[in-house]
Amino acid sequence: MEEKFIWTEEYSVRNNIIDEQHKTFLSIANDLIALSEGGLPDSATLFENTTKLGNYAMYHLSTEEEMFEKYGYPEAEEHAISHNVFRDEAEKMINDVRNGEGNVSKEARRVAEFCNNWLVNHIMIMDKRYSQFFIDKGLK
């Protein structure tokens, strides 16, 4: 049984909008973990959930990038590069699921694990770096 992601304050970037988006993103990934554990999911359900996760991730990453531009975040370019790595991998995973490659339960778990691991690492390394910058700009 795969561990679901549990949000703690340690992951907070002290920005309500971004924290709520991170929580939603991880909740969708947790839904994929549950899907992988609930018997044999059908490929259409897996595709629907993987697409939902990918779409939400794109929305979230764009939100961050819009904030970077609006407030002149000095590390915006480097941060966007890490987002693009995720975008490329998410697109690949969605295509793999669409093409029906692999065991459906394993694919659901693989997608969820990748997203959870990427986001947790991204929050703790990259996102924490902008936390004080946005606080200094008056955002909470």
C-alpha atoms as a PDB file:
ATOM      1  CA  MET A   1       0.000   0.000   0.000  1.00  0.00           C
ATOM      2  CA  GLU A   2       1.421   3.362  -1.056  1.00  0.00           C
ATOM      3  CA  GLU A   3       1.618   6.165   1.485  1.00  0.00           C
ATOM      4  CA  LYS A   4      -0.656   9.066   0.763  1.00  0.00           C
ATOM      5  CA  PHE A   5       0.753  12.518   1.065  1.00  0.00           C
ATOM      6  CA  ILE A   6      -0.108  14.276   4.312  1.00  0.00           C
ATOM      7  CA  TRP A   7       0.173  18.074   4.258  1.00  0.00           C
ATOM      8  CA  THR A   8       1.966  19.660   7.197  1.00  0.00           C
ATOM      9  CA  GLU A   9       2.891  23.274   7.871  1.00  0.00           C
ATOM     10  CA  GLU A  10       6.494  22.417   7.061  1.00  0.00           C
ATOM     11  CA  TYR A  11       5.436  22.526   3.381  1.00  0.00           C
ATOM     12  CA  SER A  12       3.832  25.952   3.623  1.00  0.00           C
ATOM     13  CA  VAL A  13       5.362  28.729   1.538  1.00  0.00           C
ATOM     14  CA  ARG A  14       3.353  31.203   3.644  1.00  0.00           C
ATOM     15  CA  ASN A  15       1.196  32.253   0.716  1.00  0.00           C
ATOM     16  CA  ASN A  16      -2.448  31.235   1.019  1.00  0.00           C
ATOM     17  CA  ILE A  17      -3.106  30.950  -2.724  1.00  0.00           C
ATOM     18  CA  ILE A  18      -0.063  28.793  -3.422  1.00  0.00           C
ATOM     19  CA  ASP A  19      -0.491  26.641  -0.305  1.00  0.00           C
ATOM     20  CA  GLU A  20      -4.104  25.886  -1.234  1.00  0.00           C
ATOM     21  CA  GLN A  21      -3.063  25.004  -4.776  1.00  0.00           C
ATOM     22  CA  HIS A  22      -0.328  22.704  -3.475  1.00  0.00           C
ATOM     23  CA  LYS A  23      -2.888  20.967  -1.231  1.00  0.00           C
ATOM     24  CA  THR A  24      -5.301  20.492  -4.142  1.00  0.00           C
ATOM     25  CA  PHE A  25      -2.556  19.207  -6.427  1.00  0.00           C
ATOM     26  CA  LEU A  26      -1.515  16.629  -3.838  1.00  0.00           C
ATOM     27  CA  SER A  27      -5.104  15.641  -3.119  1.00  0.00           C
ATOM     28  CA  ILE A  28      -5.567  14.774  -6.800  1.00  0.00           C
ATOM     29  CA  ALA A  29      -2.345  12.740  -6.712  1.00  0.00           C
ATOM     30  CA  ASN A  30      -3.649  10.949  -3.613  1.00  0.00           C
ATOM     31  CA  ASP A  31      -6.826  10.121  -5.565  1.00  0.00           C
ATOM     32  CA  LEU A  32      -4.603   8.341  -8.092  1.00  0.00           C
ATOM     33  CA  ILE A  33      -2.973   6.352  -5.282  1.00  0.00           C
ATOM     34  CA  ALA A  34      -6.437   5.353  -4.053  1.00  0.00           C
ATOM     35  CA  LEU A  35      -7.388   4.405  -7.610  1.00  0.00           C
ATOM     36  CA  SER A  36      -4.346   2.138  -7.839  1.00  0.00           C
ATOM     37  CA  GLU A  37      -5.312   0.395  -4.609  1.00  0.00           C
ATOM     38  CA  GLY A  38      -9.031  -0.015  -5.227  1.00  0.00           C
ATOM     39  CA  GLY A  39      -8.929  -3.107  -7.366  1.00  0.00           C
ATOM     40  CA  LEU A  40      -8.295  -2.978 -11.096  1.00  0.00           C
ATOM     41  CA  PRO A  41      -9.205   0.485 -12.381  1.00  0.00           C
ATOM     42  CA  ASP A  42     -10.193   0.840 -15.994  1.00  0.00           C
ATOM     43  CA  SER A  43      -7.947   2.726 -18.364  1.00  0.00           C
ATOM     44  CA  ALA A  44     -10.565   5.434 -19.065  1.00  0.00           C
ATOM     45  CA  THR A  45     -10.754   6.298 -15.353  1.00  0.00           C
ATOM     46  CA  LEU A  46      -6.974   6.345 -15.115  1.00  0.00           C
ATOM     47  CA  PHE A  47      -6.734   8.626 -18.156  1.00  0.00           C
ATOM     48  CA  GLU A  48      -9.399  10.952 -16.730  1.00  0.00           C
ATOM     49  CA  ASN A  49      -7.621  11.210 -13.367  1.00  0.00           C
ATOM     50  CA  THR A  50      -4.155  11.578 -14.897  1.00  0.00           C
ATOM     51  CA  THR A  51      -5.418  14.315 -17.207  1.00  0.00           C
ATOM     52  CA  LYS A  52      -7.083  16.059 -14.252  1.00  0.00           C
ATOM     53  CA  LEU A  53      -3.792  15.964 -12.368  1.00  0.00           C
ATOM     54  CA  GLY A  54      -1.836  17.243 -15.367  1.00  0.00           C
ATOM     55  CA  ASN A  55      -4.300  20.046 -16.048  1.00  0.00           C
ATOM     56  CA  TYR A  56      -4.298  21.168 -12.422  1.00  0.00           C
ATOM     57  CA  ALA A  57      -0.513  21.092 -12.318  1.00  0.00           C
ATOM     58  CA  MET A  58      -0.336  23.293 -15.423  1.00  0.00           C
ATOM     59  CA  TYR A  59      -2.791  25.738 -13.830  1.00  0.00           C
ATOM     60  CA  HIS A  60      -0.749  25.832 -10.620  1.00  0.00           C
ATOM     61  CA  LEU A  61       2.609  26.285 -12.352  1.00  0.00           C
ATOM     62  CA  SER A  62       1.166  29.093 -14.466  1.00  0.00           C
ATOM     63  CA  THR A  63      -0.161  30.794 -11.324  1.00  0.00           C
ATOM     64  CA  GLU A  64       3.316  30.822  -9.818  1.00  0.00           C
ATOM     65  CA  GLU A  65       4.876  32.099 -13.033  1.00  0.00           C
ATOM     66  CA  GLU A  66       2.304  34.896 -13.331  1.00  0.00           C
ATOM     67  CA  MET A  67       3.146  35.964  -9.778  1.00  0.00           C
ATOM     68  CA  PHE A  68       6.858  35.905 -10.613  1.00  0.00           C
ATOM     69  CA  GLU A  69       6.288  38.213 -13.553  1.00  0.00           C
ATOM     70  CA  LYS A  70       3.905  40.535 -11.737  1.00  0.00           C
ATOM     71  CA  TYR A  71       6.222  41.035  -8.753  1.00  0.00           C
ATOM     72  CA  GLY A  72       9.597  40.737 -10.491  1.00  0.00           C
ATOM     73  CA  TYR A  73      10.842  37.606  -8.763  1.00  0.00           C
ATOM     74  CA  PRO A  74      14.607  37.537  -9.524  1.00  0.00           C
ATOM     75  CA  GLU A  75      14.849  33.709  -9.793  1.00  0.00           C
ATOM     76  CA  ALA A  76      11.847  33.390 -12.110  1.00  0.00           C
ATOM     77  CA  GLU A  77      13.763  32.010 -15.087  1.00  0.00           C
ATOM     78  CA  GLU A  78      15.469  29.230 -13.118  1.00  0.00           C
ATOM     79  CA  HIS A  79      12.199  28.356 -11.418  1.00  0.00           C
ATOM     80  CA  ALA A  80      10.334  28.208 -14.736  1.00  0.00           C
ATOM     81  CA  ILE A  81      12.950  25.796 -16.090  1.00  0.00           C
ATOM     82  CA  SER A  82      12.129  23.356 -13.281  1.00  0.00           C
ATOM     83  CA  HIS A  83       8.430  23.782 -14.096  1.00  0.00           C
ATOM     84  CA  ASN A  84       9.137  22.933 -17.732  1.00  0.00           C
ATOM     85  CA  VAL A  85      10.839  19.695 -16.716  1.00  0.00           C
ATOM     86  CA  PHE A  86       7.665  18.761 -14.870  1.00  0.00           C
ATOM     87  CA  ARG A  87       5.460  19.804 -17.795  1.00  0.00           C
ATOM     88  CA  ASP A  88       7.440  17.584 -20.155  1.00  0.00           C
ATOM     89  CA  GLU A  89       7.231  14.576 -17.839  1.00  0.00           C
ATOM     90  CA  ALA A  90       3.511  15.127 -17.181  1.00  0.00           C
ATOM     91  CA  GLU A  91       2.823  15.236 -20.910  1.00  0.00           C
ATOM     92  CA  LYS A  92       4.778  12.002 -21.384  1.00  0.00           C
ATOM     93  CA  MET A  93       2.849  10.259 -18.593  1.00  0.00           C
ATOM     94  CA  ILE A  94      -0.504  11.400 -19.956  1.00  0.00           C
ATOM     95  CA  ASN A  95       0.456  10.100 -23.408  1.00  0.00           C
ATOM     96  CA  ASP A  96       1.587   6.765 -21.915  1.00  0.00           C
ATOM     97  CA  VAL A  97      -1.749   6.413 -20.136  1.00  0.00           C
ATOM     98  CA  ARG A  98      -3.669   7.484 -23.252  1.00  0.00           C
ATOM     99  CA  ASN A  99      -1.834   4.842 -25.287  1.00  0.00           C
ATOM    100  CA  GLY A 100      -2.662   2.170 -22.729  1.00  0.00           C
ATOM    101  CA  GLU A 101       0.933   1.230 -22.015  1.00  0.00           C
ATOM    102  CA  GLY A 102       1.452  -0.879 -18.912  1.00  0.00           C
ATOM    103  CA  ASN A 103      -0.680  -2.173 -16.086  1.00  0.00           C
ATOM    104  CA  VAL A 104      -3.369   0.362 -15.155  1.00  0.00           C
ATOM    105  CA  SER A 105      -2.847   0.100 -11.377  1.00  0.00           C
ATOM    106  CA  LYS A 106       0.916   0.413 -11.740  1.00  0.00           C
ATOM    107  CA  GLU A 107       0.555   3.396 -14.066  1.00  0.00           C
ATOM    108  CA  ALA A 108      -1.795   5.146 -11.607  1.00  0.00           C
ATOM    109  CA  ARG A 109       0.707   4.595  -8.798  1.00  0.00           C
ATOM    110  CA  ARG A 110       3.648   5.686 -10.971  1.00  0.00           C
ATOM    111  CA  VAL A 111       1.944   8.957 -11.929  1.00  0.00           C
ATOM    112  CA  ALA A 112       0.897   9.699  -8.347  1.00  0.00           C
ATOM    113  CA  GLU A 113       4.312   8.883  -6.903  1.00  0.00           C
ATOM    114  CA  PHE A 114       6.105  11.002  -9.471  1.00  0.00           C
ATOM    115  CA  CYS A 115       3.835  13.986  -8.852  1.00  0.00           C
ATOM    116  CA  ASN A 116       3.938  13.703  -5.070  1.00  0.00           C
ATOM    117  CA  ASN A 117       7.729  13.309  -5.015  1.00  0.00           C
ATOM    118  CA  TRP A 118       8.316  16.077  -7.523  1.00  0.00           C
ATOM    119  CA  LEU A 119       6.033  18.533  -5.762  1.00  0.00           C
ATOM    120  CA  VAL A 120       7.340  17.842  -2.254  1.00  0.00           C
ATOM    121  CA  ASN A 121      10.931  18.245  -3.428  1.00  0.00           C
ATOM    122  CA  HIS A 122      10.010  21.295  -5.487  1.00  0.00           C
ATOM    123  CA  ILE A 123       8.232  22.954  -2.555  1.00  0.00           C
ATOM    124  CA  MET A 124      11.051  22.285  -0.115  1.00  0.00           C
ATOM    125  CA  ILE A 125      13.838  23.424  -2.460  1.00  0.00           C
ATOM    126  CA  MET A 126      12.541  25.852  -5.079  1.00  0.00           C
ATOM    127  CA  ASP A 127       9.305  27.248  -3.668  1.00  0.00           C
ATOM    128  CA  LYS A 128      10.702  27.941  -0.218  1.00  0.00           C
ATOM    129  CA  ARG A 129      13.154  30.307  -1.928  1.00  0.00           C
ATOM    130  CA  TYR A 130      10.353  32.665  -3.007  1.00  0.00           C
ATOM    131  CA  SER A 131       8.456  32.579   0.261  1.00  0.00           C
ATOM    132  CA  GLN A 132      10.172  35.565   1.893  1.00  0.00           C
ATOM    133  CA  PHE A 133      10.268  37.485  -1.400  1.00  0.00           C
ATOM    134  CA  PHE A 134       6.464  37.425  -1.658  1.00  0.00           C
ATOM    135  CA  ILE A 135       6.015  38.215   2.028  1.00  0.00           C
ATOM    136  CA  ASP A 136       8.251  41.261   1.534  1.00  0.00           C
ATOM    137  CA  LYS A 137       5.940  42.279  -1.348  1.00  0.00           C
ATOM    138  CA  GLY A 138       2.975  42.156   1.043  1.00  0.00           C
ATOM    139  CA  LEU A 139       1.479  38.861  -0.147  1.00  0.00           C
ATOM    140  CA  LYS A 140       0.127  36.296   2.295  1.00  0.00           C
END
